[in-house]
Protein backbone atom coordinates (compact mmCIF):
# COMPACT_ATOMS: atom_id res chain seq x y z
CA MET A 1 78.35 18.20 73.38
CA LEU A 2 78.68 16.97 76.68
CA LEU A 3 81.11 14.51 76.05
CA ARG A 4 83.24 16.96 74.19
CA ARG A 5 83.39 18.72 77.46
CA PHE A 6 83.85 15.75 79.77
CA PRO A 7 87.86 15.68 79.49
CA ALA A 8 88.04 19.36 80.36
CA ILE A 9 85.70 18.59 83.55
CA CYS A 10 87.79 15.78 84.23
CA LEU A 11 91.12 17.65 84.03
CA LEU A 12 89.90 20.69 86.04
CA LEU A 13 88.41 18.29 88.99
CA ILE A 14 91.78 16.52 89.10
CA ALA A 15 93.60 19.83 89.23
CA GLY A 16 91.01 20.98 92.50
CA LEU A 17 91.29 17.96 94.27
CA ILE A 18 95.96 17.05 93.86
CA SER A 19 96.52 20.93 94.89
CA PRO A 20 98.16 21.54 97.77
CA MET A 21 95.78 20.96 100.81
CA ARG A 22 97.87 21.40 103.71
CA ALA A 23 97.52 25.21 105.01
CA HIS A 24 95.90 26.98 107.64
CA ALA A 25 92.55 28.83 107.20
CA GLY A 26 90.68 31.79 107.74
CA LEU A 27 88.74 32.99 111.30
CA PHE A 28 85.58 34.80 110.60
CA GLU A 29 85.78 36.16 107.23
CA GLN A 30 82.59 36.61 104.99
CA LEU A 31 80.62 34.04 106.60
CA ALA A 32 77.55 35.93 106.56
CA VAL A 33 77.78 38.74 103.32
CA CYS A 34 75.16 37.37 101.17
CA PRO A 35 72.41 34.22 101.02
CA ALA A 36 72.88 33.14 97.46
CA ALA A 37 76.84 33.06 97.67
CA SER A 38 76.83 31.43 101.15
CA SER A 39 74.56 28.71 99.99
CA LEU A 40 77.40 27.80 97.82
CA GLY A 41 79.72 27.83 99.97
CA SER A 42 81.19 31.42 98.75
CA ALA A 43 82.25 29.62 96.06
CA VAL A 44 81.09 32.20 93.52
CA THR A 45 84.15 33.90 92.14
CA ALA A 46 83.58 32.33 88.78
CA TYR A 47 79.53 32.68 89.75
CA PRO A 48 78.37 35.33 91.83
CA GLU A 49 74.89 35.03 90.49
CA GLY A 50 72.44 35.23 92.76
CA CYS A 51 74.15 38.28 94.64
CA GLY A 52 73.47 41.01 92.02
CA GLY A 53 75.36 44.31 93.71
CA LEU A 54 76.81 42.97 96.29
CA ALA A 55 79.12 40.86 93.70
CA VAL A 56 81.01 43.83 94.56
CA HIS A 57 82.92 42.17 97.39
CA PHE A 58 82.82 38.62 95.85
CA ASN A 59 83.85 39.59 91.97
CA PRO A 60 82.82 43.39 91.22
CA ALA A 61 83.44 42.20 87.17
CA HIS A 62 80.69 39.95 87.30
CA LEU A 63 78.57 43.13 87.58
CA ALA A 64 78.88 43.56 83.97
CA THR A 65 77.20 40.32 83.22
CA TYR A 66 73.97 41.55 84.52
CA GLU A 67 71.34 42.86 82.11
CA ALA A 68 68.65 44.56 84.09
CA SER A 69 68.94 47.18 87.07
CA ARG A 70 68.53 45.76 90.48
CA PHE A 71 68.52 45.70 94.02
CA ASP A 72 69.11 43.16 96.50
CA ASN A 73 68.19 43.43 100.51
CA ALA A 74 69.85 40.86 102.65
CA LEU A 75 68.96 40.28 106.07
CA ILE A 76 70.99 38.09 108.34
CA PHE A 77 70.77 36.28 111.56
CA THR A 78 72.80 34.01 113.82
CA ILE A 79 72.56 31.80 116.41
CA ASN A 80 75.33 30.84 118.29
CA LYS A 81 76.27 27.69 121.17
CA ARG A 82 79.81 27.61 122.44
CA GLU A 83 80.18 25.22 125.62
CA ALA A 84 83.07 23.95 127.44
CA THR A 85 84.18 22.21 130.22
CA TYR A 86 87.54 23.21 133.04
CA THR A 87 89.33 20.65 134.14
CA GLN A 88 92.39 21.13 136.60
CA GLY A 89 95.26 20.06 135.08
CA ILE A 90 98.49 17.69 136.22
CA ASP A 91 101.92 19.03 136.71
CA PRO A 92 104.21 16.51 134.78
CA GLU A 93 106.98 17.35 137.69
CA THR A 94 104.99 16.27 140.24
CA GLY A 95 101.91 13.96 139.15
CA GLU A 96 99.83 16.57 141.10
CA PRO A 97 97.34 18.66 140.23
CA TRP A 98 98.63 22.16 139.42
CA ALA A 99 98.50 24.92 141.93
CA PRO A 100 100.28 28.71 142.05
CA PHE A 101 102.44 28.71 144.71
CA GLY A 102 102.19 24.86 145.58
CA GLY A 103 98.79 25.02 146.34
CA TRP A 104 98.77 27.79 148.99
CA PHE A 105 95.45 29.01 148.19
CA ASN A 106 91.64 26.97 148.97
CA ASP A 107 93.91 23.87 149.12
CA GLY A 108 95.24 23.56 145.70
CA LYS A 109 92.55 23.41 144.42
CA ASP A 110 90.96 25.89 141.22
CA PRO A 111 87.48 26.97 142.02
CA LEU A 112 87.05 26.91 137.94
CA ASP A 113 88.20 23.24 138.23
CA GLY A 114 85.27 20.99 136.87
CA ALA A 115 83.30 24.09 135.76
CA GLN A 116 81.09 24.16 132.74
CA ALA A 117 80.52 27.15 130.78
CA GLU A 118 77.98 27.96 128.48
CA GLN A 119 77.70 31.06 126.15
CA GLN A 120 74.78 33.06 126.81
CA SER A 121 73.86 34.60 123.51
CA GLY A 122 75.65 36.77 119.95
CA TYR A 123 76.86 40.27 120.86
CA MET A 124 76.97 43.28 118.59
CA VAL A 125 77.41 47.50 119.13
CA ILE A 126 75.59 49.06 116.09
CA PRO A 127 78.17 51.60 115.48
CA ILE A 128 78.35 55.51 115.76
CA VAL A 129 75.62 54.99 117.52
CA ASP A 130 77.19 52.38 120.23
CA TYR A 131 73.99 50.68 120.86
CA GLU A 132 74.06 47.48 122.52
CA ILE A 133 72.02 44.26 121.55
CA PRO A 134 72.02 40.81 122.52
CA TYR A 135 72.26 38.91 119.67
CA LEU A 136 74.02 38.85 116.46
CA ALA A 137 72.36 40.19 113.19
CA GLY A 138 73.08 42.16 110.36
CA ALA A 139 71.55 43.67 106.87
CA GLY A 140 73.31 43.57 103.14
CA MET A 141 72.36 45.82 99.98
CA GLY A 142 73.60 45.73 96.64
CA ILE A 143 72.64 48.10 93.63
CA ILE A 144 72.87 47.55 90.46
CA TYR A 145 72.42 50.23 87.32
CA LYS A 146 72.67 49.36 83.65
CA PRO A 147 72.71 52.31 81.87
CA PRO A 148 70.22 52.37 78.77
CA GLU A 149 72.55 52.35 76.11
CA PRO A 150 72.80 49.29 74.25
CA GLU A 151 76.18 49.91 73.20
CA SER A 152 77.68 50.91 76.89
CA ARG A 153 80.18 48.34 78.37
CA LEU A 154 79.92 49.98 81.65
CA THR A 155 78.15 48.75 84.42
CA PHE A 156 77.49 50.46 88.06
CA GLY A 157 77.21 49.13 91.28
CA PHE A 158 76.70 50.15 95.13
CA GLY A 159 77.47 47.54 98.10
CA GLN A 160 76.53 47.64 101.82
CA TYR A 161 77.71 44.67 103.77
CA ALA A 162 80.06 43.14 106.80
CA PRO A 163 83.05 41.47 105.65
CA PHE A 164 84.37 40.54 108.78
CA ALA A 165 81.96 40.33 111.62
CA VAL A 166 81.92 38.28 115.34
CA GLY A 167 80.36 38.62 118.69
CA LEU A 168 79.75 36.80 121.71
CA LYS A 169 78.15 37.58 125.04
CA ASN A 170 78.49 35.55 128.58
CA HIS A 171 77.31 35.30 131.90
CA SER A 172 78.92 37.96 134.59
CA GLY A 173 79.63 34.52 136.16
CA ASP A 174 80.43 32.06 133.82
CA PRO A 175 84.07 31.17 133.23
CA PHE A 176 83.69 32.54 129.69
CA SER A 177 83.77 35.83 131.29
CA PHE A 178 87.66 35.66 132.08
CA MET A 179 88.24 35.62 128.40
CA GLY A 180 85.79 38.13 127.61
CA ARG A 181 82.08 38.87 129.30
CA LYS A 182 81.27 40.92 126.21
CA ALA A 183 83.21 41.01 122.82
CA PHE A 184 82.26 42.08 119.24
CA PHE A 185 84.69 42.86 116.35
CA LEU A 186 83.51 44.34 113.13
CA ARG A 187 84.59 45.23 109.75
CA MET A 188 81.45 47.03 107.61
CA VAL A 189 81.46 48.32 104.45
CA LEU A 190 78.85 50.70 104.44
CA ALA A 191 79.36 52.61 100.89
CA ALA A 192 81.09 50.68 97.95
CA PRO A 193 80.77 52.22 94.79
CA ALA A 194 81.80 49.87 91.89
CA VAL A 195 82.20 49.86 88.17
CA ALA A 196 82.93 46.84 85.46
CA TYR A 197 83.59 46.78 81.98
CA SER A 198 83.26 44.25 79.50
CA LEU A 199 86.53 43.95 77.67
CA THR A 200 85.54 41.60 75.04
CA ASP A 201 82.05 39.65 74.97
CA THR A 202 83.82 36.80 77.33
CA VAL A 203 85.94 39.25 79.49
CA SER A 204 84.74 41.57 82.21
CA VAL A 205 86.84 43.74 84.92
CA GLY A 206 85.66 45.53 87.74
CA ALA A 207 86.74 47.66 91.26
CA SER A 208 84.86 48.89 94.16
CA VAL A 209 85.98 51.16 96.72
CA GLY A 210 84.71 49.98 100.54
CA LEU A 211 84.48 53.08 102.50
CA GLY A 212 83.62 52.00 105.99
CA VAL A 213 83.64 51.72 110.01
CA THR A 214 85.69 49.33 112.41
CA LEU A 215 84.90 48.96 115.93
CA PHE A 216 85.93 46.25 118.90
CA SER A 217 83.72 46.23 122.27
CA PHE A 218 85.20 44.17 124.63
CA GLN A 219 84.47 43.53 128.64
CA SER A 220 85.74 41.04 130.75
CA ASN A 221 86.86 40.25 134.32
CA LEU A 222 90.46 39.28 134.92
CA ARG A 223 92.24 37.10 137.31
CA THR A 224 95.56 36.32 137.87
CA PRO A 225 96.16 32.59 138.89
CA ASN A 226 100.32 32.93 138.49
CA THR A 227 102.66 31.84 141.46
CA MET A 228 104.49 35.30 141.61
CA VAL A 229 100.69 36.99 142.53
CA ALA A 230 99.85 34.12 144.64
CA LEU A 231 103.25 34.60 146.84
CA THR A 232 101.93 38.11 147.68
CA GLY A 233 99.13 36.63 149.17
CA ALA A 234 101.15 33.81 150.80
CA LEU A 235 103.79 36.34 152.20
CA GLY A 236 100.72 38.42 153.33
CA GLU A 237 99.35 36.00 155.51
CA ALA A 238 102.37 34.41 156.65
CA THR A 239 103.13 38.45 158.41
CA GLU A 240 99.66 38.70 159.39
CA GLY A 241 100.90 40.50 163.03
CA LEU A 242 104.02 40.75 162.33
CA GLU A 243 104.15 44.10 164.07
CA ILE A 244 107.85 45.33 165.42
CA PRO A 245 107.26 48.71 166.64
CA VAL A 246 108.29 51.91 164.74
CA ILE A 247 110.83 49.49 162.60
CA SER A 248 107.87 47.84 160.92
CA GLU A 249 106.15 51.18 160.14
CA LEU A 250 109.43 52.67 158.61
CA THR A 251 110.19 49.12 156.42
CA LEU A 252 107.73 46.52 156.01
CA PRO A 253 104.32 47.18 157.46
CA PRO A 254 102.57 43.61 158.28
CA PRO A 255 100.54 42.61 156.86
CA TRP A 256 103.10 42.30 153.70
CA PHE A 257 101.25 43.77 150.57
CA GLY A 258 98.74 44.43 152.43
CA GLY A 259 97.77 40.59 152.86
CA GLY A 260 98.33 40.25 148.75
CA MET A 261 96.53 39.30 145.71
CA ALA A 262 94.88 35.97 145.57
CA PRO A 263 95.02 34.09 142.44
CA TYR A 264 91.71 32.62 141.94
CA ASP A 265 89.71 36.28 143.00
CA LYS A 266 89.02 38.67 140.32
CA ALA A 267 91.72 41.31 140.31
CA ALA A 268 90.12 43.89 137.92
CA GLU A 269 87.29 44.12 135.53
CA LEU A 270 88.19 46.15 131.67
CA GLU A 271 85.42 47.66 129.69
CA LEU A 272 86.54 48.83 126.21
CA LEU A 273 84.90 50.41 123.32
CA VAL A 274 86.98 51.75 120.12
CA GLU A 275 85.77 52.49 116.75
CA ASP A 276 87.26 54.03 113.72
CA TYR A 277 84.55 55.97 111.69
CA PHE A 278 86.39 55.95 108.15
CA THR A 279 88.47 53.08 106.86
CA THR A 280 88.80 52.36 103.40
CA SER A 281 89.92 49.37 101.27
CA TYR A 282 89.66 48.05 97.52
CA ASN A 283 88.29 45.33 95.42
CA LEU A 284 89.84 43.84 91.69
CA GLY A 285 87.70 41.83 89.69
CA PHE A 286 88.51 39.37 87.00
CA LEU A 287 85.87 37.58 85.28
CA TRP A 288 86.44 34.92 81.65
CA GLU A 289 83.92 33.31 80.66
CA PRO A 290 84.70 31.51 77.24
CA THR A 291 81.67 29.32 76.92
CA SER A 292 78.60 29.15 78.89
CA TRP A 293 79.66 25.78 80.52
CA PHE A 294 83.38 27.40 82.06
CA ALA A 295 84.08 30.39 83.32
CA PHE A 296 87.06 31.56 85.63
CA GLY A 297 86.91 34.07 88.54
CA ALA A 298 89.02 35.74 90.40
CA CYS A 299 88.82 38.85 93.08
CA TYR A 300 91.68 40.59 95.30
CA GLN A 301 90.43 42.16 98.17
CA SER A 302 92.77 44.45 99.83
CA GLU A 303 94.11 44.80 103.31
CA SER A 304 92.49 47.86 105.44
CA GLU A 305 94.41 49.37 108.08
CA THR A 306 92.73 50.90 111.03
CA THR A 307 93.68 53.00 114.06
CA MET A 308 90.38 52.77 116.77
CA GLU A 309 90.20 55.16 119.32
CA GLY A 310 87.34 55.46 122.21
CA ASP A 311 87.10 54.98 126.09
CA TYR A 312 88.42 51.92 128.65
CA LYS A 313 87.60 51.59 132.05
CA PHE A 314 89.67 49.39 134.29
CA THR A 315 87.79 48.91 138.03
CA TYR A 316 90.04 46.64 140.42
CA GLY A 317 89.38 44.32 143.39
CA GLN A 318 89.84 45.23 146.74
CA ARG A 319 92.80 43.06 147.34
CA PHE A 320 94.69 44.61 144.56
CA GLN A 321 93.85 47.96 146.17
CA ASN A 322 95.05 46.90 149.50
CA THR A 323 98.15 45.87 147.78
CA VAL A 324 98.74 49.40 145.95
CA ALA A 325 98.00 50.95 148.81
CA TRP A 326 100.24 49.01 151.20
CA LEU A 327 103.60 50.45 148.57
CA GLY A 328 102.57 53.62 149.35
CA ARG A 329 102.61 53.11 153.85
CA SER A 330 105.77 53.50 154.58
CA PRO A 331 109.29 55.19 153.26
CA MET A 332 111.09 52.01 152.38
CA THR A 333 107.94 50.82 150.15
CA ILE A 334 107.42 54.28 148.88
CA ILE A 335 111.32 53.42 147.89
CA ILE A 336 110.95 50.29 146.61
CA ALA A 337 107.70 51.46 144.55
CA ALA A 338 109.73 53.98 142.80
CA MET A 339 112.25 51.65 141.96
CA PHE A 340 110.13 49.49 140.14
CA ASP A 341 107.75 52.06 139.17
CA LEU A 342 104.97 50.33 140.96
CA PRO A 343 101.91 52.32 141.92
CA TYR A 344 101.51 53.46 145.12
CA GLN A 345 98.29 55.40 145.44
CA ALA A 346 95.22 53.07 145.32
CA ALA A 347 92.60 53.64 143.32
CA PRO A 348 89.02 52.21 143.05
CA TYR A 349 89.31 52.53 139.00
CA GLN A 350 91.46 54.31 136.10
CA LYS A 351 89.49 55.31 132.79
CA GLY A 352 90.41 57.35 130.11
CA THR A 353 90.97 57.43 126.21
CA ALA A 354 92.53 54.14 124.19
CA THR A 355 93.86 53.04 120.89
CA VAL A 356 93.58 50.18 118.95
CA THR A 357 95.46 49.92 115.64
CA MET A 358 95.50 47.22 113.33
CA THR A 359 95.25 45.83 109.98
CA TRP A 360 92.01 43.83 108.57
CA PRO A 361 93.96 41.37 106.00
CA ALA A 362 94.00 41.17 102.54
CA ARG A 363 92.00 38.34 100.44
CA LEU A 364 92.53 36.23 97.23
CA GLN A 365 90.07 34.30 95.95
CA LEU A 366 89.79 32.31 92.98
CA GLY A 367 87.02 30.10 91.11
CA ILE A 368 86.04 27.98 88.89
CA LYS A 369 82.59 27.81 87.17
CA LEU A 370 81.41 24.54 85.54
CA LYS A 371 77.94 23.77 84.12
CA PRO A 372 77.92 20.50 82.36
CA ILE A 373 74.22 20.63 81.53
CA LYS A 374 71.76 23.35 81.69
CA GLN A 375 70.44 22.41 85.07
CA LEU A 376 73.49 22.33 86.88
CA VAL A 377 76.24 24.23 88.10
CA LEU A 378 79.48 22.99 89.57
CA THR A 379 82.26 25.47 91.70
CA CYS A 380 85.19 25.45 93.25
CA ASP A 381 87.10 28.39 94.83
CA ALA A 382 90.21 28.85 96.18
CA HIS A 383 90.75 31.37 99.47
CA TRP A 384 93.73 33.12 100.82
CA THR A 385 93.83 35.60 103.60
CA ASP A 386 97.25 37.65 105.32
CA TRP A 387 95.98 36.71 108.69
CA GLU A 388 99.89 37.70 109.60
CA SER A 389 99.42 40.56 109.01
CA TRP A 390 97.47 40.82 112.72
CA LYS A 391 100.33 39.93 114.28
CA ALA A 392 99.14 40.98 118.19
CA LEU A 393 95.97 42.62 119.73
CA GLU A 394 97.44 45.82 121.04
CA VAL A 395 95.68 48.23 122.92
CA GLN A 396 97.46 51.32 123.96
CA PHE A 397 95.78 53.28 127.18
CA ASP A 398 96.42 57.43 127.70
CA GLN A 399 97.96 56.59 130.55
CA LYS A 400 99.96 53.70 133.10
CA ILE A 401 97.47 51.29 133.93
CA GLN A 402 98.48 50.34 137.74
CA LEU A 403 97.50 46.60 136.99
CA PHE A 404 100.42 46.33 133.97
CA ARG A 405 102.81 48.27 136.15
CA PHE A 406 102.94 45.39 138.97
CA ALA A 407 102.73 43.07 136.27
CA ARG A 408 106.01 44.37 135.10
CA MET A 409 107.41 43.42 138.03
CA LEU A 410 106.31 39.85 137.68
CA GLY A 411 107.76 39.47 133.84
CA TYR A 412 105.49 41.55 131.72
CA MET A 413 108.16 43.03 129.06
CA ASN A 414 105.93 45.49 127.54
CA SER A 415 104.54 48.83 128.19
CA PRO A 416 102.47 49.69 131.15
CA LYS A 417 100.99 51.96 128.81
CA ALA A 418 99.75 48.91 126.63
CA MET A 419 98.16 45.95 126.43
CA HIS A 420 100.00 43.42 124.47
CA ILE A 421 98.62 39.95 123.02
CA ASP A 422 100.36 38.02 120.56
CA LEU A 423 97.97 36.48 118.19
CA GLY A 424 100.33 34.38 115.99
CA LEU A 425 98.02 33.93 113.35
CA GLU A 426 98.68 32.33 110.24
CA ASN A 427 98.24 32.67 106.65
CA THR A 428 95.39 30.90 104.82
CA TRP A 429 94.98 28.42 101.97
CA HIS A 430 91.98 26.66 101.67
CA PHE A 431 89.12 25.62 99.13
CA SER A 432 85.18 25.85 98.78
CA TYR A 433 82.54 23.99 96.96
CA GLY A 434 79.04 24.50 95.72
CA ILE A 435 76.43 22.80 93.56
CA GLU A 436 73.33 24.40 91.66
CA ILE A 437 70.59 22.45 90.52
CA ARG A 438 67.52 23.95 88.73
CA PRO A 439 64.92 21.48 87.92
CA ILE A 440 62.72 24.20 86.67
CA LYS A 441 63.66 27.69 85.33
CA ARG A 442 62.26 29.73 88.21
CA LEU A 443 63.80 27.33 90.91
CA ALA A 444 67.47 27.02 92.39
CA LEU A 445 68.67 24.28 94.81
CA ARG A 446 71.91 24.87 96.18
CA LEU A 447 74.54 23.13 98.63
CA GLY A 448 77.74 24.31 99.41
CA TYR A 449 80.93 23.02 101.75
CA GLU A 450 83.73 24.69 103.02
CA PRO A 451 86.63 22.97 105.19
CA ARG A 452 88.54 25.75 106.79
CA PRO A 453 91.09 25.48 109.20
CA THR A 454 91.87 27.89 111.73
CA SER A 455 94.86 30.02 111.53
CA VAL A 456 95.01 30.17 114.98
CA GLN A 457 98.07 28.16 116.71
CA ASP A 458 97.85 25.97 119.75
CA GLU A 459 100.38 27.85 122.14
CA PHE A 460 98.10 31.21 120.88
CA PHE A 461 94.38 29.86 121.43
CA GLY A 462 92.50 31.50 123.76
CA PRO A 463 91.72 35.11 122.52
CA VAL A 464 90.28 34.13 119.49
CA PRO A 465 88.77 30.92 120.11
CA MET A 466 88.50 29.46 116.50
CA SER A 467 89.54 25.84 115.80
CA ASP A 468 88.93 24.37 112.67
CA MET A 469 85.71 24.84 110.80
CA ASP A 470 83.42 22.60 108.53
CA ILE A 471 80.84 24.73 106.81
CA TYR A 472 77.66 23.49 105.47
CA SER A 473 75.28 25.32 103.77
CA ALA A 474 71.59 24.94 101.89
CA GLY A 475 69.35 27.49 100.17
CA ILE A 476 66.89 27.95 97.82
CA GLY A 477 66.24 30.60 95.45
CA PHE A 478 63.01 31.29 93.28
CA VAL A 479 61.94 33.49 90.67
CA ILE A 480 58.55 35.43 91.39
CA GLU A 481 58.79 37.25 88.45
CA ASP A 482 60.01 36.37 85.23
CA HIS A 483 60.41 40.08 83.53
CA PRO A 484 61.79 43.09 85.22
CA LYS A 485 59.44 45.78 86.88
CA PRO A 486 59.03 48.75 84.82
CA LYS A 487 60.87 51.76 85.63
CA PRO A 488 58.85 53.48 88.64
CA LYS A 489 56.68 56.42 87.38
CA ASP A 490 57.47 58.17 90.71
CA PHE A 491 58.66 57.94 94.79
CA HIS A 492 55.05 56.15 95.45
CA GLU A 493 55.22 53.84 92.76
CA LEU A 494 58.88 52.76 93.74
CA LEU A 495 57.38 52.30 97.15
CA LYS A 496 54.61 50.27 95.69
CA GLN A 497 57.28 48.16 93.80
CA ILE A 498 59.57 47.15 96.77
CA GLN A 499 57.01 45.73 98.74
CA HIS A 500 56.62 42.78 96.18
CA PRO A 501 60.28 41.67 95.03
CA THR A 502 60.89 39.81 91.91
CA ALA A 503 62.96 36.82 93.54
CA ILE A 504 63.83 35.77 96.94
CA ASP A 505 66.90 33.97 98.27
CA LEU A 506 67.07 31.79 101.22
CA ASN A 507 69.90 30.08 102.79
CA VAL A 508 70.70 28.53 106.16
CA THR A 509 74.24 28.04 107.15
CA LEU A 510 75.53 26.00 110.14
CA VAL A 511 79.48 26.43 111.23
CA GLN A 512 80.13 23.48 112.48
CA LEU A 513 83.58 23.87 114.63
CA LYS A 514 85.56 20.83 115.34
CA ASP A 515 85.69 20.12 119.11
CA LYS A 516 89.06 21.66 120.76
CA PHE A 517 90.97 20.30 123.38
CA VAL A 518 93.57 22.48 125.24
CA GLY A 519 96.09 20.57 127.24
CA PHE A 520 97.87 21.40 130.63
CA ASN A 521 100.42 24.10 129.71
CA GLU A 522 99.69 24.33 125.89
CA SER A 523 98.35 28.06 125.00
CA LYS A 524 100.81 31.60 126.42
CA ASN A 525 97.24 33.10 125.86
CA MET A 526 95.37 30.97 128.37
CA ASN A 527 96.47 28.51 130.34
CA SER A 528 100.24 28.61 130.32
CA ILE A 529 101.77 27.98 134.00
CA ASP A 530 105.13 30.06 133.29
CA PHE A 531 104.52 33.25 135.40
CA THR A 532 106.00 35.59 132.88
CA ASP A 533 103.23 35.03 131.26
CA ILE A 534 100.77 37.31 133.39
CA VAL A 535 99.12 39.16 130.44
CA TYR A 536 96.93 37.42 129.87
CA ASN A 537 96.44 33.37 131.20
CA PRO A 538 93.24 33.75 133.30
CA TYR A 539 93.05 29.75 132.96
CA ALA A 540 96.71 28.68 134.44
CA GLY A 541 97.32 25.10 135.28
CA LEU A 542 93.79 24.42 133.54
CA GLU A 543 92.82 22.15 130.80
CA MET A 544 89.81 22.96 128.28
CA GLU A 545 87.62 20.96 126.30
CA GLN A 546 85.70 23.25 124.04
CA GLU A 547 82.58 22.94 121.47
CA MET A 548 80.95 25.50 119.23
CA SER A 549 78.72 26.01 116.49
CA VAL A 550 77.04 28.85 114.65
CA TRP A 551 73.70 28.64 113.01
CA VAL A 552 73.54 31.45 110.29
CA ILE A 553 69.93 32.33 108.66
CA SER A 554 69.82 34.98 105.79
CA LEU A 555 67.26 35.88 103.22
CA ASN A 556 67.71 38.01 100.21
CA GLN A 557 65.04 39.95 98.08
CA VAL A 558 65.29 41.01 94.50
CA PHE A 559 64.13 43.73 93.13
CA LYS A 560 64.48 44.22 88.88
CA TRP A 561 63.99 46.93 86.66
């Protein structure tokens, strides 16, 4: 029998290997949804065997293949490690270290030159209650209900999971804090009712609807090592004591710009928390299993549009406040401020309401399952994600922000009521692979590998600091009870039964991001020396080397009735 299958197996494997592999791939989607799926490199579209009700995410059509009702309860915990070293870059035109305004400040030496950054921990905010937790963890839940009628072709499901989640926390004084002291992005599906239907004995289809929340939390120190910003400080120092009686107070009171701003000082702090309590999406699944040794699956996960609203607060540094106050000190400076729409009344902070509109990307996943022998399953999936639908991160504020009003004079081309950062993400295609070995009926050993190149282009690296990934997974599944539990007679018996799972799945995943080097003036979102790239380049003129890895540990308890 195996010899007869061998040509088909070879053909399918060759097709997978010679398929075009040049593409950028995903960012932080479905890294921690289901332990069994993670153990197989998420290559489970044709074989979400261990996911139970969480198949509503990977392929809702697979619900139809289960013979009993089932409840899955998954717990997920992550451990993050991120380190970076910053070095002052060499200006190719001069052969000297680059510094704003010719090195006027700090002898031309950036205080972050030679600095080492180390991420403190993961970070998350619980939606709705907005409670902060200094680590990144989560839970997933899935339910399958099989109608008792033997002739019924319908199966119902329900899931709860987070298809997108990432969170980082850094010390306030750490160099990382200028690109995010705390950051958390979440798309959480709180309720995903699903239905699957067996069209024939070999073909099933399914659909689920995802109702959930989206949250974006961001806190960051802000600095502007920009030549035009440094110019205000240089003029401020040069005009110290340049007092012409009467004339100065009517025109340009010294020191100009109230002493001006320093490029290496903290200009401001930003705190932002926005949420959308009702987001929607849908998943469509297809499963074809013509024989016991081969299956093909497909799942389309729709995009999800969200408009998050919440609160923000900008807290300004003293030198920035001095500069703004100077613009209101004389008739001439007030006229100049009015001409350029510059602020002239200093405020220690601005706060109000903010809005972030974005589109969580659509995904398509196609996969095959091969079972050449009873004890071995091979899986391979192709993944596509429409990250181009998220073109930019734009935060709309309810008032003109003084920092952005000043930035417009220095080349910022967007509204002073918005923070706009182009992300430049590219669409994704990549493959993942899984192996499951069952040495005995009750025991499953799983391995997975997913090489995931980044969607972030070099010139936009920074706000999303994700480089190419190699994702290695290993897991074990153990069946404790061969037979489903009897239907509980009452709630007390149900509570007793769920203390003793029928099976457990354990997974350990290593997300190893490849070392990233950002060369001098390479990223317009991180270290550009172009003075018009003022929002946002906290490391202008620096080079950065980054190492990053994430450990994901997850456990699933299975209960069958």
